[in-house]
N, C-alpha and C. Protein backbone atom coordinates (compact mmCIF):
# COMPACT_ATOMS: atom_id res chain seq x y z
N MET A 1 30.95 -49.24 82.42
CA MET A 1 32.30 -49.59 81.96
C MET A 1 33.13 -48.34 81.70
N LYS A 2 34.44 -48.46 81.92
CA LYS A 2 35.33 -47.35 81.61
C LYS A 2 35.79 -47.44 80.17
N ILE A 3 36.26 -46.32 79.64
CA ILE A 3 36.75 -46.28 78.26
C ILE A 3 38.20 -45.87 78.24
N ILE A 4 39.03 -46.57 77.45
CA ILE A 4 40.42 -46.16 77.25
C ILE A 4 40.64 -45.96 75.78
N ASN A 5 40.98 -44.74 75.36
CA ASN A 5 41.18 -44.46 73.94
C ASN A 5 42.64 -44.63 73.62
N SER A 6 43.04 -45.55 73.06
CA SER A 6 44.44 -45.72 72.79
C SER A 6 44.79 -46.25 71.53
N PHE A 7 47.48 -48.84 72.14
CA PHE A 7 48.87 -49.09 72.40
C PHE A 7 49.19 -49.89 71.34
N THR A 8 52.35 -51.02 69.68
CA THR A 8 52.88 -52.26 69.84
C THR A 8 53.88 -52.08 70.87
N VAL A 9 53.89 -52.97 71.91
CA VAL A 9 54.93 -52.24 72.68
C VAL A 9 55.73 -51.73 71.60
N ALA A 10 56.25 -51.29 70.61
CA ALA A 10 55.71 -50.60 69.46
C ALA A 10 54.69 -51.54 68.95
N ALA A 11 54.32 -53.19 69.18
CA ALA A 11 52.98 -53.75 69.00
C ALA A 11 51.97 -53.00 69.82
N PHE A 12 52.17 -52.50 71.20
CA PHE A 12 51.11 -51.70 71.87
C PHE A 12 51.01 -50.37 71.16
N SER A 13 52.16 -49.69 70.98
CA SER A 13 52.11 -48.42 70.28
C SER A 13 51.85 -48.62 68.81
N ALA A 14 52.57 -49.57 68.17
CA ALA A 14 52.40 -49.73 66.74
C ALA A 14 51.08 -50.37 66.40
N VAL A 15 50.65 -51.38 67.18
CA VAL A 15 49.37 -52.02 66.86
C VAL A 15 48.22 -51.05 67.10
N ILE A 16 48.22 -50.39 68.25
CA ILE A 16 47.12 -49.47 68.52
C ILE A 16 47.23 -48.22 67.67
N LEU A 17 48.38 -47.57 67.67
CA LEU A 17 48.51 -46.33 66.90
C LEU A 17 48.44 -46.61 65.42
N SER A 18 48.86 -47.82 64.99
CA SER A 18 48.80 -48.13 63.56
C SER A 18 47.36 -48.18 63.07
N ALA A 19 46.45 -48.49 63.97
CA ALA A 19 45.05 -48.59 63.57
C ALA A 19 44.48 -47.26 63.14
N CYS A 20 45.11 -46.16 63.58
CA CYS A 20 44.61 -44.85 63.17
C CYS A 20 45.65 -44.11 62.35
N GLY A 21 46.64 -44.85 61.82
CA GLY A 21 47.62 -44.23 60.95
C GLY A 21 48.66 -43.43 61.69
N GLY A 22 48.86 -43.72 63.02
CA GLY A 22 49.88 -43.03 63.78
C GLY A 22 49.27 -42.10 64.79
N GLY A 23 50.11 -41.41 65.55
CA GLY A 23 49.63 -40.51 66.58
C GLY A 23 49.50 -39.11 66.06
N GLY A 24 49.32 -38.19 66.99
CA GLY A 24 49.23 -36.77 66.61
C GLY A 24 47.99 -36.15 67.18
N SER A 25 47.96 -34.87 67.23
CA SER A 25 46.81 -34.18 67.79
C SER A 25 46.07 -33.42 66.72
N SER A 26 44.76 -33.34 66.86
CA SER A 26 43.94 -32.63 65.90
C SER A 26 44.10 -31.12 66.07
N THR A 27 44.03 -30.40 64.99
CA THR A 27 44.12 -28.94 65.07
C THR A 27 42.76 -28.29 65.02
N SER A 28 41.69 -29.09 65.03
CA SER A 28 40.36 -28.55 64.85
C SER A 28 39.68 -28.20 66.17
N THR A 29 40.28 -28.62 67.31
CA THR A 29 39.64 -28.39 68.60
C THR A 29 40.41 -27.34 69.37
N THR A 30 39.72 -26.37 69.92
CA THR A 30 40.37 -25.32 70.69
C THR A 30 40.73 -25.84 72.07
N PRO A 31 42.01 -25.83 72.45
CA PRO A 31 42.42 -26.32 73.77
C PRO A 31 41.78 -25.49 74.88
N THR A 32 41.35 -26.19 75.96
CA THR A 32 40.71 -25.47 77.05
C THR A 32 41.30 -25.81 78.40
N ALA A 33 42.20 -26.78 78.48
CA ALA A 33 42.72 -27.17 79.78
C ALA A 33 44.17 -27.58 79.65
N THR A 34 44.91 -27.46 80.73
CA THR A 34 46.29 -27.92 80.76
C THR A 34 46.48 -28.89 81.89
N ALA A 35 47.50 -29.75 81.76
CA ALA A 35 47.75 -30.75 82.80
C ALA A 35 48.15 -30.06 84.10
N PRO A 36 47.70 -30.59 85.23
CA PRO A 36 48.07 -29.99 86.51
C PRO A 36 49.55 -30.16 86.77
N ALA A 37 50.14 -29.22 87.54
CA ALA A 37 51.58 -29.25 87.79
C ALA A 37 51.95 -30.21 88.91
N THR A 38 50.97 -30.65 89.70
CA THR A 38 51.27 -31.52 90.83
C THR A 38 51.59 -32.93 90.36
N PRO A 39 52.50 -33.64 91.07
CA PRO A 39 52.86 -35.00 90.66
C PRO A 39 51.67 -35.93 90.71
N PHE A 40 51.72 -36.97 89.86
CA PHE A 40 50.68 -37.99 89.82
C PHE A 40 51.32 -39.26 90.35
N GLY A 41 50.97 -39.70 91.57
CA GLY A 41 51.66 -40.81 92.22
C GLY A 41 51.67 -42.07 91.39
N ALA A 42 52.78 -42.82 91.46
CA ALA A 42 52.95 -44.02 90.64
C ALA A 42 51.88 -45.06 90.95
N MET A 43 51.57 -45.27 92.23
CA MET A 43 50.58 -46.27 92.58
C MET A 43 49.20 -45.87 92.07
N ASP A 44 48.86 -44.57 92.18
CA ASP A 44 47.58 -44.10 91.65
C ASP A 44 47.51 -44.36 90.15
N ALA A 45 48.61 -44.09 89.44
CA ALA A 45 48.64 -44.30 88.00
C ALA A 45 48.44 -45.77 87.67
N LEU A 46 49.17 -46.65 88.34
CA LEU A 46 49.04 -48.06 88.04
C LEU A 46 47.63 -48.57 88.34
N ASP A 47 47.06 -48.13 89.44
CA ASP A 47 45.70 -48.55 89.77
C ASP A 47 44.72 -48.13 88.68
N SER A 48 44.93 -46.96 88.10
CA SER A 48 44.04 -46.48 87.06
C SER A 48 44.13 -47.34 85.80
N TYR A 49 45.31 -47.87 85.50
CA TYR A 49 45.53 -48.58 84.24
C TYR A 49 45.25 -50.09 84.33
N VAL A 50 45.33 -50.65 85.53
CA VAL A 50 45.19 -52.10 85.69
C VAL A 50 43.81 -52.56 85.21
N GLY A 51 43.81 -53.65 84.44
CA GLY A 51 42.55 -54.21 83.96
C GLY A 51 42.68 -54.72 82.54
N THR A 52 41.58 -55.17 81.99
CA THR A 52 41.52 -55.66 80.61
C THR A 52 40.75 -54.67 79.76
N TRP A 53 41.37 -54.27 78.65
CA TRP A 53 40.81 -53.23 77.78
C TRP A 53 40.64 -53.78 76.37
N ILE A 54 39.52 -53.51 75.74
CA ILE A 54 39.25 -54.01 74.39
C ILE A 54 39.06 -52.83 73.45
N ALA A 55 39.81 -52.83 72.36
CA ALA A 55 39.76 -51.74 71.39
C ALA A 55 38.57 -51.88 70.46
N ASN A 56 38.16 -50.77 69.88
CA ASN A 56 37.19 -50.81 68.81
C ASN A 56 37.77 -51.53 67.60
N CYS A 57 36.92 -52.04 66.75
CA CYS A 57 37.36 -52.61 65.48
C CYS A 57 37.99 -51.49 64.65
N ALA A 58 39.16 -51.76 64.08
CA ALA A 58 39.88 -50.73 63.32
C ALA A 58 40.64 -51.39 62.17
N THR A 59 41.06 -50.59 61.22
CA THR A 59 41.85 -51.08 60.10
C THR A 59 43.32 -51.07 60.47
N SER A 60 43.97 -52.22 60.34
CA SER A 60 45.41 -52.29 60.58
C SER A 60 46.16 -51.58 59.47
N THR A 61 47.27 -50.96 59.81
CA THR A 61 48.15 -50.41 58.79
C THR A 61 49.41 -51.25 58.67
N LEU A 62 49.39 -52.45 59.30
CA LEU A 62 50.56 -53.32 59.28
C LEU A 62 50.31 -54.65 58.58
N VAL A 63 49.12 -55.21 58.72
CA VAL A 63 48.86 -56.58 58.29
C VAL A 63 47.85 -56.59 57.15
N LYS A 64 48.14 -57.41 56.12
CA LYS A 64 47.28 -57.48 54.94
C LYS A 64 46.78 -58.90 54.69
N ALA A 65 45.61 -58.98 54.07
CA ALA A 65 45.10 -60.21 53.47
C ALA A 65 45.02 -59.94 51.99
N GLY A 66 45.94 -60.54 51.21
CA GLY A 66 46.06 -60.17 49.81
C GLY A 66 46.62 -58.77 49.70
N ALA A 67 45.93 -57.92 48.95
CA ALA A 67 46.41 -56.54 48.76
C ALA A 67 45.78 -55.56 49.74
N ALA A 68 44.83 -56.01 50.56
CA ALA A 68 44.08 -55.09 51.43
C ALA A 68 44.46 -55.28 52.89
N PHE A 69 44.48 -54.18 53.63
CA PHE A 69 44.74 -54.25 55.06
C PHE A 69 43.55 -54.86 55.78
N VAL A 70 43.84 -55.73 56.75
CA VAL A 70 42.79 -56.41 57.50
C VAL A 70 42.22 -55.49 58.57
N LYS A 71 41.07 -55.91 59.12
CA LYS A 71 40.54 -55.27 60.31
C LYS A 71 41.14 -55.97 61.54
N GLN A 72 41.22 -55.23 62.66
CA GLN A 72 41.80 -55.82 63.86
C GLN A 72 41.07 -55.34 65.10
N LYS A 73 41.16 -56.18 66.13
CA LYS A 73 40.60 -55.83 67.44
C LYS A 73 41.63 -56.28 68.48
N VAL A 74 42.06 -55.33 69.33
CA VAL A 74 43.14 -55.60 70.27
C VAL A 74 42.59 -55.64 71.70
N THR A 75 42.94 -56.71 72.42
CA THR A 75 42.63 -56.81 73.84
C THR A 75 43.93 -56.67 74.62
N THR A 76 43.99 -55.72 75.53
CA THR A 76 45.19 -55.46 76.31
C THR A 76 44.89 -55.67 77.78
N THR A 77 45.67 -56.54 78.42
CA THR A 77 45.51 -56.79 79.85
C THR A 77 46.72 -56.23 80.58
N LEU A 78 46.49 -55.27 81.47
CA LEU A 78 47.55 -54.61 82.22
C LEU A 78 47.47 -55.00 83.68
N SER A 79 48.63 -55.30 84.27
CA SER A 79 48.70 -55.65 85.68
C SER A 79 49.96 -55.06 86.28
N LYS A 80 50.00 -54.93 87.59
CA LYS A 80 51.20 -54.43 88.25
C LYS A 80 52.29 -55.49 88.21
N ALA A 81 53.48 -55.10 87.77
CA ALA A 81 54.61 -56.03 87.77
C ALA A 81 55.02 -56.32 89.21
N ALA A 82 55.53 -57.53 89.44
CA ALA A 82 55.92 -57.94 90.78
C ALA A 82 57.02 -57.04 91.33
N ASN A 83 56.92 -56.70 92.61
CA ASN A 83 57.95 -55.95 93.34
C ASN A 83 58.26 -54.59 92.71
N SER A 84 57.26 -53.94 92.14
CA SER A 84 57.48 -52.63 91.54
C SER A 84 56.25 -51.77 91.71
N THR A 85 56.47 -50.48 91.95
CA THR A 85 55.36 -49.53 92.03
C THR A 85 55.26 -48.67 90.79
N THR A 86 56.12 -48.92 89.79
CA THR A 86 56.12 -48.08 88.59
C THR A 86 56.02 -48.86 87.29
N VAL A 87 55.99 -50.19 87.35
CA VAL A 87 56.02 -51.00 86.13
C VAL A 87 54.69 -51.74 85.93
N LEU A 88 54.16 -51.63 84.72
CA LEU A 88 52.97 -52.38 84.31
C LEU A 88 53.39 -53.52 83.39
N ALA A 89 52.93 -54.73 83.69
CA ALA A 89 53.10 -55.85 82.78
C ALA A 89 51.89 -55.91 81.87
N ALA A 90 52.10 -56.29 80.61
CA ALA A 90 51.00 -56.26 79.64
C ALA A 90 50.99 -57.52 78.78
N VAL A 91 49.79 -57.97 78.48
CA VAL A 91 49.56 -59.03 77.50
C VAL A 91 48.66 -58.46 76.43
N LEU A 92 49.11 -58.50 75.17
CA LEU A 92 48.34 -57.96 74.06
C LEU A 92 47.89 -59.09 73.15
N GLU A 93 46.59 -59.19 72.94
CA GLU A 93 46.03 -60.17 72.01
C GLU A 93 45.36 -59.41 70.87
N THR A 94 45.85 -59.64 69.65
CA THR A 94 45.28 -58.98 68.48
C THR A 94 44.60 -60.01 67.60
N LYS A 95 43.32 -59.80 67.33
CA LYS A 95 42.57 -60.67 66.43
C LYS A 95 42.39 -59.95 65.10
N PHE A 96 42.67 -60.66 64.02
CA PHE A 96 42.56 -60.09 62.68
C PHE A 96 41.34 -60.65 61.96
N TYR A 97 40.67 -59.76 61.22
CA TYR A 97 39.45 -60.10 60.50
C TYR A 97 39.59 -59.69 59.04
N ALA A 98 38.68 -60.18 58.22
CA ALA A 98 38.72 -59.87 56.79
C ALA A 98 38.65 -58.36 56.57
N PRO A 99 39.28 -57.85 55.51
CA PRO A 99 39.27 -56.41 55.23
C PRO A 99 37.88 -55.80 55.16
N ALA A 100 36.89 -56.57 54.71
CA ALA A 100 35.53 -56.05 54.57
C ALA A 100 34.71 -56.16 55.85
N ASP A 101 35.27 -56.77 56.90
CA ASP A 101 34.52 -56.99 58.14
C ASP A 101 34.65 -55.76 59.04
N VAL A 102 33.84 -54.74 58.74
CA VAL A 102 34.01 -53.43 59.40
C VAL A 102 33.66 -53.46 60.89
N GLY A 103 32.93 -54.46 61.35
CA GLY A 103 32.58 -54.54 62.76
C GLY A 103 33.36 -55.58 63.53
N CYS A 104 34.28 -56.29 62.85
CA CYS A 104 35.04 -57.38 63.48
C CYS A 104 34.09 -58.38 64.14
N THR A 105 33.07 -58.77 63.41
CA THR A 105 32.07 -59.70 63.94
C THR A 105 32.10 -61.07 63.26
N GLY A 106 32.88 -61.20 62.18
CA GLY A 106 32.93 -62.46 61.44
C GLY A 106 34.02 -63.39 61.95
N ALA A 107 34.45 -64.28 61.07
CA ALA A 107 35.46 -65.26 61.43
C ALA A 107 36.81 -64.58 61.71
N VAL A 108 37.52 -65.06 62.72
CA VAL A 108 38.85 -64.56 63.05
C VAL A 108 39.86 -65.25 62.12
N LEU A 109 40.61 -64.44 61.36
CA LEU A 109 41.58 -65.00 60.43
C LEU A 109 42.83 -65.47 61.14
N SER A 110 43.23 -64.76 62.18
CA SER A 110 44.43 -65.12 62.93
C SER A 110 44.44 -64.36 64.25
N THR A 111 45.11 -64.94 65.24
CA THR A 111 45.27 -64.28 66.54
C THR A 111 46.74 -64.24 66.90
N GLU A 112 47.23 -63.06 67.24
CA GLU A 112 48.62 -62.89 67.65
C GLU A 112 48.65 -62.40 69.09
N THR A 113 49.49 -63.03 69.93
CA THR A 113 49.58 -62.66 71.34
C THR A 113 51.01 -62.28 71.70
N ILE A 114 51.17 -61.14 72.32
CA ILE A 114 52.46 -60.69 72.84
C ILE A 114 52.33 -60.65 74.35
N GLY A 115 53.12 -61.47 75.04
CA GLY A 115 52.95 -61.61 76.47
C GLY A 115 54.07 -61.06 77.32
N ASN A 116 55.06 -60.42 76.71
CA ASN A 116 56.21 -59.96 77.48
C ASN A 116 56.37 -58.44 77.45
N ALA A 117 55.27 -57.74 77.28
CA ALA A 117 55.33 -56.27 77.22
C ALA A 117 55.36 -55.68 78.63
N LYS A 118 56.12 -54.61 78.79
CA LYS A 118 56.18 -53.91 80.07
C LYS A 118 56.32 -52.41 79.83
N TRP A 119 55.68 -51.61 80.68
CA TRP A 119 55.84 -50.16 80.63
C TRP A 119 56.24 -49.64 81.99
N THR A 120 57.26 -48.80 82.02
CA THR A 120 57.62 -48.08 83.23
C THR A 120 56.89 -46.75 83.21
N ILE A 121 56.05 -46.52 84.21
CA ILE A 121 55.20 -45.34 84.25
C ILE A 121 55.87 -44.23 85.05
N GLY A 122 55.96 -43.06 84.46
CA GLY A 122 56.56 -41.91 85.14
C GLY A 122 55.74 -41.48 86.34
N THR A 123 56.40 -40.91 87.34
CA THR A 123 55.71 -40.48 88.56
C THR A 123 55.39 -38.99 88.56
N ALA A 124 55.79 -38.28 87.52
CA ALA A 124 55.48 -36.85 87.42
C ALA A 124 54.71 -36.58 86.14
N THR A 125 53.81 -35.63 86.19
CA THR A 125 53.01 -35.33 85.01
C THR A 125 53.79 -34.49 84.01
N LYS A 126 53.42 -34.61 82.74
CA LYS A 126 53.98 -33.77 81.69
C LYS A 126 53.00 -32.65 81.40
N SER A 127 53.51 -31.45 81.28
CA SER A 127 52.66 -30.31 80.97
C SER A 127 52.19 -30.41 79.53
N MET A 128 50.89 -30.45 79.33
CA MET A 128 50.30 -30.57 78.00
C MET A 128 49.07 -29.69 77.89
N THR A 129 48.70 -29.38 76.65
CA THR A 129 47.45 -28.69 76.37
C THR A 129 46.47 -29.71 75.80
N PHE A 130 45.29 -29.79 76.39
CA PHE A 130 44.29 -30.76 75.98
C PHE A 130 43.14 -30.10 75.23
N GLY A 131 42.46 -30.90 74.39
CA GLY A 131 41.27 -30.43 73.71
C GLY A 131 40.07 -30.42 74.64
N VAL A 132 38.95 -29.97 74.14
CA VAL A 132 37.76 -29.81 74.98
C VAL A 132 37.22 -31.13 75.51
N ASN A 133 37.58 -32.25 74.89
CA ASN A 133 37.08 -33.54 75.34
C ASN A 133 37.80 -34.06 76.58
N LEU A 134 38.90 -33.42 76.96
CA LEU A 134 39.68 -33.86 78.11
C LEU A 134 39.88 -32.71 79.08
N VAL A 135 39.15 -32.73 80.17
CA VAL A 135 39.31 -31.73 81.21
C VAL A 135 39.89 -32.44 82.44
N ASN A 136 40.90 -31.82 83.06
CA ASN A 136 41.58 -32.40 84.22
C ASN A 136 42.27 -33.72 83.90
N ALA A 137 42.71 -33.91 82.67
CA ALA A 137 43.45 -35.10 82.31
C ALA A 137 44.89 -34.99 82.79
N THR A 138 45.56 -36.13 82.85
CA THR A 138 46.95 -36.19 83.30
C THR A 138 47.76 -36.99 82.29
N ALA A 139 48.96 -36.50 81.95
CA ALA A 139 49.85 -37.18 81.02
C ALA A 139 51.13 -37.59 81.74
N VAL A 140 51.51 -38.86 81.59
CA VAL A 140 52.76 -39.36 82.17
C VAL A 140 53.52 -40.14 81.12
N ASN A 141 54.85 -40.16 81.22
CA ASN A 141 55.66 -40.97 80.32
C ASN A 141 55.44 -42.45 80.60
N ALA A 142 55.41 -43.24 79.53
CA ALA A 142 55.31 -44.70 79.63
C ALA A 142 56.37 -45.29 78.72
N SER A 143 57.42 -45.86 79.31
CA SER A 143 58.56 -46.35 78.54
C SER A 143 58.58 -47.87 78.50
N ALA A 144 58.79 -48.42 77.29
CA ALA A 144 58.85 -49.87 77.09
C ALA A 144 60.21 -50.26 76.55
N PRO A 145 60.80 -51.36 77.06
CA PRO A 145 62.10 -51.80 76.56
C PRO A 145 61.98 -52.45 75.20
N ALA A 146 63.12 -52.62 74.53
CA ALA A 146 63.13 -53.33 73.25
C ALA A 146 62.74 -54.79 73.47
N VAL A 147 62.04 -55.35 72.48
CA VAL A 147 61.61 -56.75 72.54
C VAL A 147 62.11 -57.46 71.29
N GLY A 148 62.81 -58.57 71.48
CA GLY A 148 63.31 -59.33 70.34
C GLY A 148 62.33 -60.40 69.91
N GLY A 149 62.48 -60.88 68.69
CA GLY A 149 61.60 -61.92 68.16
C GLY A 149 61.96 -62.25 66.73
N ILE A 150 61.04 -62.87 66.02
CA ILE A 150 61.26 -63.24 64.63
C ILE A 150 61.43 -61.99 63.77
N SER A 151 62.44 -61.98 62.92
CA SER A 151 62.60 -60.91 61.95
C SER A 151 63.07 -61.55 60.65
N ALA A 152 62.33 -61.34 59.57
CA ALA A 152 62.64 -62.06 58.34
C ALA A 152 62.39 -61.18 57.13
N GLY A 153 63.42 -60.48 56.68
CA GLY A 153 63.31 -59.72 55.44
C GLY A 153 62.23 -58.66 55.48
N ASN A 154 61.63 -58.44 54.31
CA ASN A 154 60.63 -57.38 54.19
C ASN A 154 59.26 -57.76 54.75
N THR A 155 58.86 -59.03 54.56
CA THR A 155 57.54 -59.47 55.01
C THR A 155 57.60 -60.89 55.55
N ILE A 156 56.57 -61.22 56.35
CA ILE A 156 56.36 -62.59 56.85
C ILE A 156 54.94 -62.98 56.49
N THR A 157 54.75 -64.17 55.94
CA THR A 157 53.41 -64.67 55.60
C THR A 157 53.05 -65.80 56.54
N LEU A 158 51.97 -65.62 57.30
CA LEU A 158 51.49 -66.62 58.24
C LEU A 158 49.97 -66.69 58.13
N ASN A 159 49.44 -67.90 58.06
CA ASN A 159 47.98 -68.08 57.99
C ASN A 159 47.36 -67.23 56.88
N ARG A 160 48.07 -67.13 55.76
CA ARG A 160 47.62 -66.39 54.57
C ARG A 160 47.52 -64.88 54.80
N LEU A 161 48.12 -64.40 55.89
CA LEU A 161 48.22 -62.97 56.14
C LEU A 161 49.67 -62.54 55.97
N THR A 162 49.87 -61.30 55.54
CA THR A 162 51.21 -60.77 55.32
C THR A 162 51.53 -59.72 56.36
N TYR A 163 52.62 -59.95 57.11
CA TYR A 163 53.07 -59.06 58.17
C TYR A 163 54.37 -58.37 57.75
N PRO A 164 54.66 -57.19 58.31
CA PRO A 164 55.98 -56.62 58.09
C PRO A 164 57.05 -57.55 58.66
N GLY A 165 58.23 -57.55 58.06
CA GLY A 165 59.28 -58.47 58.48
C GLY A 165 59.70 -58.30 59.93
N ASN A 166 59.53 -57.10 60.47
CA ASN A 166 59.93 -56.84 61.86
C ASN A 166 58.74 -56.80 62.81
N PHE A 167 57.62 -57.40 62.43
CA PHE A 167 56.38 -57.32 63.22
C PHE A 167 56.59 -57.81 64.65
N TYR A 168 57.43 -58.84 64.83
CA TYR A 168 57.61 -59.44 66.16
C TYR A 168 58.80 -58.88 66.92
N THR A 169 59.40 -57.83 66.42
CA THR A 169 60.50 -57.18 67.14
C THR A 169 60.15 -55.71 67.32
N THR A 170 60.43 -55.16 68.48
CA THR A 170 60.11 -53.76 68.74
C THR A 170 61.30 -53.06 69.40
N PRO A 171 61.54 -51.82 69.05
CA PRO A 171 62.66 -51.07 69.63
C PRO A 171 62.28 -50.48 70.98
N LEU A 172 63.29 -49.94 71.68
CA LEU A 172 63.02 -49.14 72.87
C LEU A 172 62.01 -48.06 72.51
N ASN A 173 60.98 -47.91 73.33
CA ASN A 173 59.89 -47.04 72.94
C ASN A 173 59.37 -46.25 74.14
N THR A 174 59.12 -44.96 73.96
CA THR A 174 58.51 -44.14 75.00
C THR A 174 57.29 -43.44 74.44
N ASP A 175 56.15 -43.62 75.10
CA ASP A 175 54.91 -42.96 74.74
C ASP A 175 54.43 -42.13 75.92
N LEU A 176 53.28 -41.52 75.75
CA LEU A 176 52.58 -40.88 76.84
C LEU A 176 51.30 -41.64 77.14
N PHE A 177 51.01 -41.84 78.40
CA PHE A 177 49.69 -42.30 78.82
C PHE A 177 48.92 -41.06 79.25
N VAL A 178 47.79 -40.81 78.63
CA VAL A 178 46.95 -39.66 78.97
C VAL A 178 45.67 -40.20 79.59
N TYR A 179 45.46 -39.87 80.84
CA TYR A 179 44.34 -40.44 81.60
C TYR A 179 43.43 -39.35 82.14
N SER A 180 42.13 -39.54 81.96
CA SER A 180 41.13 -38.61 82.48
C SER A 180 40.34 -39.31 83.58
N PRO A 181 40.60 -39.00 84.85
CA PRO A 181 39.87 -39.67 85.94
C PRO A 181 38.39 -39.37 85.95
N GLU A 182 37.98 -38.25 85.39
CA GLU A 182 36.56 -37.90 85.39
C GLU A 182 35.74 -38.81 84.47
N THR A 183 36.35 -39.23 83.37
CA THR A 183 35.63 -40.06 82.40
C THR A 183 36.13 -41.51 82.38
N GLY A 184 37.28 -41.78 83.03
CA GLY A 184 37.87 -43.11 82.98
C GLY A 184 38.53 -43.40 81.65
N LYS A 185 38.77 -42.38 80.83
CA LYS A 185 39.37 -42.59 79.52
C LYS A 185 40.89 -42.55 79.60
N LEU A 186 41.52 -43.46 78.87
CA LEU A 186 42.97 -43.53 78.80
C LEU A 186 43.39 -43.59 77.35
N TYR A 187 44.40 -42.82 76.99
CA TYR A 187 44.89 -42.75 75.62
C TYR A 187 46.40 -42.95 75.63
N THR A 188 46.97 -43.33 74.48
CA THR A 188 48.41 -43.23 74.30
C THR A 188 48.69 -42.20 73.22
N ALA A 189 49.80 -41.50 73.40
CA ALA A 189 50.19 -40.46 72.46
C ALA A 189 51.70 -40.51 72.29
N PRO A 190 52.24 -39.96 71.21
CA PRO A 190 53.69 -39.90 71.05
C PRO A 190 54.33 -39.10 72.18
N ALA A 191 55.52 -39.52 72.61
CA ALA A 191 56.19 -38.84 73.71
C ALA A 191 56.50 -37.38 73.39
N SER A 192 56.61 -37.06 72.12
CA SER A 192 56.95 -35.70 71.71
C SER A 192 55.75 -34.76 71.71
N ALA A 193 54.56 -35.29 71.93
CA ALA A 193 53.34 -34.47 71.85
C ALA A 193 53.32 -33.41 72.95
N SER A 194 52.92 -32.20 72.57
CA SER A 194 52.73 -31.13 73.55
C SER A 194 51.27 -30.71 73.64
N ALA A 195 50.46 -31.21 72.70
CA ALA A 195 49.02 -30.97 72.71
C ALA A 195 48.32 -32.28 72.36
N PHE A 196 47.12 -32.44 72.86
CA PHE A 196 46.44 -33.73 72.71
C PHE A 196 44.95 -33.51 72.50
N ASP A 197 44.41 -34.19 71.49
CA ASP A 197 42.98 -34.16 71.19
C ASP A 197 42.53 -35.60 70.97
N THR A 198 41.44 -35.99 71.60
CA THR A 198 41.01 -37.38 71.54
C THR A 198 40.58 -37.84 70.17
N VAL A 199 40.28 -36.94 69.27
CA VAL A 199 39.72 -37.30 67.97
C VAL A 199 40.64 -38.22 67.18
N ALA A 200 41.95 -38.06 67.32
CA ALA A 200 42.90 -38.79 66.48
C ALA A 200 43.25 -40.18 67.00
N TYR A 201 42.64 -40.62 68.10
CA TYR A 201 43.09 -41.86 68.74
C TYR A 201 41.99 -42.90 68.85
N PRO A 202 42.35 -44.18 68.72
CA PRO A 202 41.35 -45.26 68.83
C PRO A 202 40.86 -45.43 70.25
N VAL A 203 39.73 -46.10 70.41
CA VAL A 203 39.06 -46.23 71.70
C VAL A 203 39.13 -47.67 72.19
N MET A 204 39.41 -47.83 73.50
CA MET A 204 39.34 -49.14 74.12
C MET A 204 38.40 -49.06 75.32
N ILE A 205 37.68 -50.13 75.60
CA ILE A 205 36.70 -50.15 76.70
C ILE A 205 37.16 -51.12 77.78
N LYS A 206 37.17 -50.66 79.02
CA LYS A 206 37.59 -51.52 80.12
C LYS A 206 36.47 -52.50 80.46
N GLN A 207 36.86 -53.76 80.59
CA GLN A 207 35.88 -54.82 80.88
C GLN A 207 35.69 -55.01 82.39
């Protein structure tokens, strides 16, 4: 199986990145490689990302059960959008578990599905410095449009879970997709990142 270390469309970015408290690169690893200067073809990029990816069990920084943040497990299905060589369509399913369920193996408290996510994948690589865990990796811009939905004050309570009031709405968002063809690992990072270390990012496994 391949591994993808990563995505809300800010649910892809916010849900995935929220599980580790946001993005950013570690300063503890000495960079050893830089992204190649040659373009990374759009079709090659899409082929690399297409599939169903399941994240490790992680602590949400968005959703609570009572006073404690719940555990979550995100399944992301990526496919090529119709009539496009640069757009990925995405379906994100997030399952929430009790705060004490560190392996996400118990009863599912709630399931949230976002089915209208899309990313436009850049056709040129971004120059970046990578940590020792990523050799010959490639970084490309991944831009997602704003998504409208329910927005209700400070919080929303559903199925005895408390969500941020804007949980179902996401702004225009641009991230980086960082892909290592040698290991099959894929990560998301903030678009502003100039250095990248895998330590700070959650892991997803391709099914």
